[in-house]
Protein backbone atom coordinates (compact mmCIF):
# COMPACT_ATOMS: atom_id res chain seq x y z
CA UNK A 1 4.23 3.29 -7.52
CA UNK A 2 5.09 1.25 -4.64
CA UNK A 3 3.48 -1.29 -2.10
CA UNK A 4 1.00 1.13 -1.01
CA UNK A 5 0.73 3.70 -4.01
CA UNK A 6 -0.40 3.57 -7.10
CA UNK A 7 -2.35 5.69 -10.04
CA UNK A 8 -5.62 5.35 -11.39
CA UNK A 9 -7.36 7.56 -14.32
CA UNK A 10 -4.92 10.06 -13.56
CA UNK A 11 -5.14 10.11 -9.92
CA UNK A 12 -2.48 9.32 -7.27
CA UNK A 13 -3.43 6.98 -4.43
CA UNK A 14 -2.24 5.84 -0.77
CA UNK A 15 -3.65 2.69 0.27
CA UNK A 16 -4.46 4.21 3.96
CA UNK A 17 -4.88 0.89 6.03
CA UNK A 18 -2.12 -0.43 5.34
CA UNK A 19 2.22 0.51 5.12
CA UNK A 20 4.61 -0.97 2.89
CA UNK A 21 8.54 -1.15 3.12
CA UNK A 22 10.38 2.10 1.11
CA UNK A 23 11.65 1.52 -2.05
CA UNK A 24 13.20 5.07 -3.13
CA UNK A 25 14.47 5.16 0.49
CA UNK A 26 14.98 2.12 2.52
CA UNK A 27 16.75 1.75 5.74
CA UNK A 28 18.56 -1.63 4.36
CA UNK A 29 18.44 -3.80 1.80
CA UNK A 30 15.98 -6.51 2.95
CA UNK A 31 13.37 -3.22 3.07
CA UNK A 32 14.11 -2.70 -0.26
CA UNK A 33 13.56 -6.06 -1.05
CA UNK A 34 10.30 -6.45 0.83
CA UNK A 35 9.59 -3.24 -0.67
CA UNK A 36 9.92 -4.58 -4.58
CA UNK A 37 8.17 -7.97 -3.61
CA UNK A 38 5.16 -5.24 -2.14
CA UNK A 39 4.84 -3.02 -5.35
CA UNK A 40 4.43 -6.09 -7.88
CA UNK A 41 1.82 -8.02 -5.57
CA UNK A 42 0.00 -4.79 -5.41
CA UNK A 43 0.22 -4.65 -9.11
CA UNK A 44 -0.95 -7.96 -9.64
CA UNK A 45 -3.69 -7.51 -6.89
CA UNK A 46 -4.65 -4.71 -8.67
CA UNK A 47 -4.78 -5.88 -12.29
CA UNK A 48 -6.52 -9.03 -10.92
CA UNK A 49 -10.58 -7.53 -11.62
CA UNK A 50 -12.45 -4.25 -10.79
CA UNK A 51 -11.97 -3.24 -7.49
CA UNK A 52 -13.41 -0.34 -4.87
CA UNK A 53 -11.97 2.52 -3.29
CA UNK A 54 -13.44 3.62 0.63
CA UNK A 55 -12.76 7.00 1.88
CA UNK A 56 -11.26 7.24 5.27
CA UNK A 57 -10.72 10.14 8.01
CA UNK A 58 -8.49 12.03 5.81
CA UNK A 59 -8.82 12.63 2.10
CA UNK A 60 -5.82 13.52 1.43
CA UNK A 61 -1.85 12.80 3.37
CA UNK A 62 1.03 15.06 2.74
CA UNK A 63 2.70 13.68 -0.69
CA UNK A 64 -1.11 14.47 -2.63
CA UNK A 65 -2.32 11.22 -2.41
CA UNK A 66 -6.01 10.31 -1.88
CA UNK A 67 -5.99 8.54 1.00
CA UNK A 68 -8.19 5.10 0.37
CA UNK A 69 -8.93 1.77 1.58
CA UNK A 70 -9.18 -0.52 -1.54
CA UNK A 71 -11.61 -3.53 -1.53
CA UNK A 72 -12.78 -6.74 -3.48
CA UNK A 73 -15.07 -8.94 -2.79
CA UNK A 74 -15.72 -7.58 0.51
CA UNK A 75 -11.92 -8.08 1.64
CA UNK A 76 -9.28 -5.39 1.91
CA UNK A 77 -6.54 -5.50 -0.31
CA UNK A 78 -4.44 -3.84 2.22
CA UNK A 79 -5.45 -7.05 4.57
CA UNK A 80 -3.97 -9.43 2.04
CA UNK A 81 -0.56 -7.88 2.20
CA UNK A 82 -0.75 -7.58 5.43
CA UNK A 83 -1.15 -11.73 5.70
CA UNK A 84 1.21 -12.10 2.99
CA UNK A 85 3.93 -10.43 5.32
CA UNK A 86 4.39 -7.65 2.73
CA UNK A 87 2.81 -4.70 5.11
CA UNK A 88 1.88 -3.71 8.21
CA UNK A 89 -1.66 -2.25 9.08
CA UNK A 90 -1.23 1.27 9.65
CA UNK A 91 -1.02 2.64 12.96
CA UNK A 92 0.09 5.94 12.66
CA UNK A 93 3.45 5.47 12.51
CA UNK A 94 5.89 3.86 9.77
CA UNK A 95 7.51 0.78 11.97
CA UNK A 96 10.79 -0.82 11.07
CA UNK A 97 11.04 -3.24 8.39
CA UNK A 98 15.19 -3.83 8.97
CA UNK A 99 16.35 -6.71 11.26
C-alpha cells in the first residue's frame, strides 16, 4: 500500500484521480517522506468510515490495480489528498515530487 493504492476484500485498488509520491522507488528523499505521509493519511481516511468506489474510463492499470475514484459524502478522498499537498490530480503522467 502507498498513498494511492490500497487493498479491500482481497482486491488491489488504485485511486484513479490522483498520483501520490513514490515510496518504493522515490527520486529523492523529499518524495519518499511525502509518500510515507500520503500512505498514512490514506489509511486514516479509509478507516474513518464507509466510502464508495466509482469506476472511471479504465478498469485496471498496468500494475493490476482496479482503478477507482474513492468517495465519502460526495467528496473525493483523492481530492482531499490534493488539498492537503499529499497528491497531484492525475493528468496522465507522473509529475516530479523533487525540488
